[in-house]
Amino acid sequence: MSSWSIGELATRAGMSADTLRYYEKIDLLPRALRDSGGRRRYGDADLARLLFIQRAQAMNFSLTEIGNLLHLRERPQQTRADVRRVAGEKLAQVETRLKSLRLLRNELRLLLNLCAGGEDGCPILESLDGDRH
């Protein structure tokens, strides 16, 4: 089994030591064992947990949601329906965000085209000014 200091684990996970301390504080990461000098020591399970957290963050799960997923992860067979529900809710949020981003993209394309073709002012700035005109 590996044994790393907080700095070594932070480097392996691509995070800061402050982030690891914060994750301990909010119970995303179990309290580290301490060596005889009182320094935190971490193992392979801690690294795996941090990588799980990173993957969940990349999927836009909040830290609270990740905490719930970590709790469900301890009993995967008993919580499959719960995990599917949480993932389904996240997917619905992503779909909503994608719809908003597509609308934003289309609006920006239109404004860029109007700005390129016009001699009078800038439609982009006028659009951002909103009610002022």
C-alpha atoms as a PDB file:
ATOM      1  CA  MET A   1       0.000   0.000   0.000  1.00  0.00           C
ATOM      2  CA  SER A   2       1.244   3.478  -0.854  1.00  0.00           C
ATOM      3  CA  SER A   3       1.698   6.154   1.766  1.00  0.00           C
ATOM      4  CA  TRP A   4       1.892   9.797   0.746  1.00  0.00           C
ATOM      5  CA  SER A   5       2.093  13.118   2.488  1.00  0.00           C
ATOM      6  CA  ILE A   6      -0.588  15.691   1.772  1.00  0.00           C
ATOM      7  CA  GLY A   7       1.728  17.429  -0.715  1.00  0.00           C
ATOM      8  CA  GLU A   8       2.541  14.191  -2.512  1.00  0.00           C
ATOM      9  CA  LEU A   9      -1.114  13.221  -2.773  1.00  0.00           C
ATOM     10  CA  ALA A  10      -2.047  16.715  -3.927  1.00  0.00           C
ATOM     11  CA  THR A  11       0.553  16.485  -6.695  1.00  0.00           C
ATOM     12  CA  ARG A  12      -0.633  13.025  -7.774  1.00  0.00           C
ATOM     13  CA  ALA A  13      -4.242  14.221  -7.889  1.00  0.00           C
ATOM     14  CA  GLY A  14      -3.418  17.550  -9.532  1.00  0.00           C
ATOM     15  CA  MET A  15      -4.916  19.517  -6.652  1.00  0.00           C
ATOM     16  CA  SER A  16      -3.619  21.810  -3.966  1.00  0.00           C
ATOM     17  CA  ALA A  17      -3.008  20.693  -0.392  1.00  0.00           C
ATOM     18  CA  ASP A  18      -5.549  23.341   0.663  1.00  0.00           C
ATOM     19  CA  THR A  19      -8.162  21.610  -1.481  1.00  0.00           C
ATOM     20  CA  LEU A  20      -7.436  18.301   0.238  1.00  0.00           C
ATOM     21  CA  ARG A  21      -7.755  19.935   3.643  1.00  0.00           C
ATOM     22  CA  TYR A  22     -11.052  21.484   2.573  1.00  0.00           C
ATOM     23  CA  TYR A  23     -12.326  18.114   1.317  1.00  0.00           C
ATOM     24  CA  GLU A  24     -11.459  16.637   4.708  1.00  0.00           C
ATOM     25  CA  LYS A  25     -13.262  19.483   6.444  1.00  0.00           C
ATOM     26  CA  ILE A  26     -16.477  18.879   4.443  1.00  0.00           C
ATOM     27  CA  ASP A  27     -16.110  15.079   4.701  1.00  0.00           C
ATOM     28  CA  LEU A  28     -15.504  14.382   1.018  1.00  0.00           C
ATOM     29  CA  LEU A  29     -12.169  12.890   2.000  1.00  0.00           C
ATOM     30  CA  PRO A  30     -11.864  10.845   5.197  1.00  0.00           C
ATOM     31  CA  ARG A  31      -9.643  12.283   7.907  1.00  0.00           C
ATOM     32  CA  ALA A  32      -6.098  11.228   7.147  1.00  0.00           C
ATOM     33  CA  LEU A  33      -4.169   8.921   9.394  1.00  0.00           C
ATOM     34  CA  ARG A  34      -1.272  10.661  11.110  1.00  0.00           C
ATOM     35  CA  ASP A  35       2.289   9.422  11.324  1.00  0.00           C
ATOM     36  CA  SER A  36       4.353   9.574  14.508  1.00  0.00           C
ATOM     37  CA  GLY A  37       5.264  13.179  13.681  1.00  0.00           C
ATOM     38  CA  GLY A  38       1.594  14.161  13.349  1.00  0.00           C
ATOM     39  CA  ARG A  39       1.742  14.543   9.553  1.00  0.00           C
ATOM     40  CA  ARG A  40      -1.159  13.372   7.438  1.00  0.00           C
ATOM     41  CA  ARG A  41      -0.625  10.139   5.497  1.00  0.00           C
ATOM     42  CA  TYR A  42      -2.734   9.038   2.567  1.00  0.00           C
ATOM     43  CA  GLY A  43      -3.078   5.809   0.617  1.00  0.00           C
ATOM     44  CA  ASP A  44      -4.321   4.411  -2.660  1.00  0.00           C
ATOM     45  CA  ALA A  45      -7.970   4.562  -1.595  1.00  0.00           C
ATOM     46  CA  ASP A  46      -7.632   8.293  -0.954  1.00  0.00           C
ATOM     47  CA  LEU A  47      -6.174   8.873  -4.412  1.00  0.00           C
ATOM     48  CA  ALA A  48      -8.966   6.808  -5.992  1.00  0.00           C
ATOM     49  CA  ARG A  49     -11.528   8.864  -4.084  1.00  0.00           C
ATOM     50  CA  LEU A  50      -9.972  12.133  -5.284  1.00  0.00           C
ATOM     51  CA  LEU A  51      -9.991  10.910  -8.889  1.00  0.00           C
ATOM     52  CA  PHE A  52     -13.674   9.991  -8.473  1.00  0.00           C
ATOM     53  CA  ILE A  53     -14.340  13.515  -7.173  1.00  0.00           C
ATOM     54  CA  GLN A  54     -12.522  15.039 -10.149  1.00  0.00           C
ATOM     55  CA  ARG A  55     -14.484  12.939 -12.660  1.00  0.00           C
ATOM     56  CA  ALA A  56     -17.749  13.883 -10.960  1.00  0.00           C
ATOM     57  CA  GLN A  57     -16.775  17.571 -11.018  1.00  0.00           C
ATOM     58  CA  ALA A  58     -15.999  17.250 -14.733  1.00  0.00           C
ATOM     59  CA  MET A  59     -19.593  16.026 -15.122  1.00  0.00           C
ATOM     60  CA  ASN A  60     -20.721  19.218 -13.360  1.00  0.00           C
ATOM     61  CA  PHE A  61     -21.766  17.607 -10.089  1.00  0.00           C
ATOM     62  CA  SER A  62     -21.616  19.977  -7.123  1.00  0.00           C
ATOM     63  CA  LEU A  63     -19.576  19.061  -4.053  1.00  0.00           C
ATOM     64  CA  THR A  64     -22.801  18.298  -2.183  1.00  0.00           C
ATOM     65  CA  GLU A  65     -23.933  15.993  -4.987  1.00  0.00           C
ATOM     66  CA  ILE A  66     -20.500  14.367  -5.044  1.00  0.00           C
ATOM     67  CA  GLY A  67     -20.773  13.745  -1.308  1.00  0.00           C
ATOM     68  CA  ASN A  68     -24.086  11.995  -1.932  1.00  0.00           C
ATOM     69  CA  LEU A  69     -22.570   9.944  -4.761  1.00  0.00           C
ATOM     70  CA  LEU A  70     -19.655   8.932  -2.549  1.00  0.00           C
ATOM     71  CA  HIS A  71     -22.111   7.790   0.088  1.00  0.00           C
ATOM     72  CA  LEU A  72     -24.065   5.816  -2.523  1.00  0.00           C
ATOM     73  CA  ARG A  73     -20.797   4.405  -3.889  1.00  0.00           C
ATOM     74  CA  GLU A  74     -20.318   2.472  -0.666  1.00  0.00           C
ATOM     75  CA  ARG A  75     -23.364   0.281  -1.446  1.00  0.00           C
ATOM     76  CA  PRO A  76     -23.637   0.254  -5.264  1.00  0.00           C
ATOM     77  CA  GLN A  77     -26.018  -2.707  -5.577  1.00  0.00           C
ATOM     78  CA  GLN A  78     -28.459  -1.322  -3.016  1.00  0.00           C
ATOM     79  CA  THR A  79     -28.438   2.209  -4.400  1.00  0.00           C
ATOM     80  CA  ARG A  80     -28.523   1.712  -8.148  1.00  0.00           C
ATOM     81  CA  ALA A  81     -31.936   3.389  -8.494  1.00  0.00           C
ATOM     82  CA  ASP A  82     -30.775   6.378  -6.441  1.00  0.00           C
ATOM     83  CA  VAL A  83     -27.646   6.790  -8.546  1.00  0.00           C
ATOM     84  CA  ARG A  84     -29.690   6.570 -11.744  1.00  0.00           C
ATOM     85  CA  ARG A  85     -32.057   9.248 -10.398  1.00  0.00           C
ATOM     86  CA  VAL A  86     -29.195  11.599  -9.479  1.00  0.00           C
ATOM     87  CA  ALA A  87     -27.506  11.058 -12.843  1.00  0.00           C
ATOM     88  CA  GLY A  88     -30.832  11.587 -14.639  1.00  0.00           C
ATOM     89  CA  GLU A  89     -31.345  14.893 -12.839  1.00  0.00           C
ATOM     90  CA  LYS A  90     -27.822  15.980 -13.787  1.00  0.00           C
ATOM     91  CA  LEU A  91     -28.452  15.003 -17.404  1.00  0.00           C
ATOM     92  CA  ALA A  92     -31.627  17.108 -17.438  1.00  0.00           C
ATOM     93  CA  GLN A  93     -29.643  20.079 -16.096  1.00  0.00           C
ATOM     94  CA  VAL A  94     -26.986  19.580 -18.773  1.00  0.00           C
ATOM     95  CA  GLU A  95     -29.654  19.406 -21.489  1.00  0.00           C
ATOM     96  CA  THR A  96     -31.157  22.673 -20.237  1.00  0.00           C
ATOM     97  CA  ARG A  97     -27.722  24.305 -20.194  1.00  0.00           C
ATOM     98  CA  LEU A  98     -27.000  23.067 -23.727  1.00  0.00           C
ATOM     99  CA  LYS A  99     -30.265  24.575 -24.940  1.00  0.00           C
ATOM    100  CA  SER A 100     -29.295  27.916 -23.384  1.00  0.00           C
ATOM    101  CA  LEU A 101     -25.825  27.731 -24.910  1.00  0.00           C
ATOM    102  CA  ARG A 102     -27.259  26.992 -28.380  1.00  0.00           C
ATOM    103  CA  LEU A 103     -29.521  30.061 -28.079  1.00  0.00           C
ATOM    104  CA  LEU A 104     -26.561  32.171 -26.967  1.00  0.00           C
ATOM    105  CA  ARG A 105     -24.442  30.872 -29.863  1.00  0.00           C
ATOM    106  CA  ASN A 106     -27.160  31.709 -32.372  1.00  0.00           C
ATOM    107  CA  GLU A 107     -27.618  35.203 -30.950  1.00  0.00           C
ATOM    108  CA  LEU A 108     -23.875  35.880 -31.057  1.00  0.00           C
ATOM    109  CA  ARG A 109     -23.653  34.631 -34.661  1.00  0.00           C
ATOM    110  CA  LEU A 110     -26.480  36.943 -35.658  1.00  0.00           C
ATOM    111  CA  LEU A 111     -24.864  39.910 -33.920  1.00  0.00           C
ATOM    112  CA  LEU A 112     -21.489  39.181 -35.512  1.00  0.00           C
ATOM    113  CA  ASN A 113     -23.093  39.023 -38.947  1.00  0.00           C
ATOM    114  CA  LEU A 114     -24.993  42.264 -38.349  1.00  0.00           C
ATOM    115  CA  CYS A 115     -21.835  43.966 -37.087  1.00  0.00           C
ATOM    116  CA  ALA A 116     -19.813  42.837 -40.117  1.00  0.00           C
ATOM    117  CA  GLY A 117     -22.424  44.064 -42.585  1.00  0.00           C
ATOM    118  CA  GLY A 118     -23.346  47.372 -41.044  1.00  0.00           C
ATOM    119  CA  GLU A 119     -21.851  50.824 -41.320  1.00  0.00           C
ATOM    120  CA  ASP A 120     -23.884  52.307 -38.458  1.00  0.00           C
ATOM    121  CA  GLY A 121     -22.659  51.617 -34.938  1.00  0.00           C
ATOM    122  CA  CYS A 122     -22.184  48.170 -33.564  1.00  0.00           C
ATOM    123  CA  PRO A 123     -25.220  45.913 -33.052  1.00  0.00           C
ATOM    124  CA  ILE A 124     -23.263  43.892 -30.494  1.00  0.00           C
ATOM    125  CA  LEU A 125     -22.836  46.864 -28.181  1.00  0.00           C
ATOM    126  CA  GLU A 126     -26.389  48.036 -28.843  1.00  0.00           C
ATOM    127  CA  SER A 127     -27.701  44.606 -27.950  1.00  0.00           C
ATOM    128  CA  LEU A 128     -25.747  44.595 -24.693  1.00  0.00           C
ATOM    129  CA  ASP A 129     -27.007  48.098 -23.878  1.00  0.00           C
ATOM    130  CA  GLY A 130     -30.555  46.731 -24.101  1.00  0.00           C
ATOM    131  CA  ASP A 131     -33.145  49.301 -23.047  1.00  0.00           C
ATOM    132  CA  ARG A 132     -30.916  52.344 -23.477  1.00  0.00           C
ATOM    133  CA  HIS A 133     -31.859  52.728 -27.164  1.00  0.00           C
END
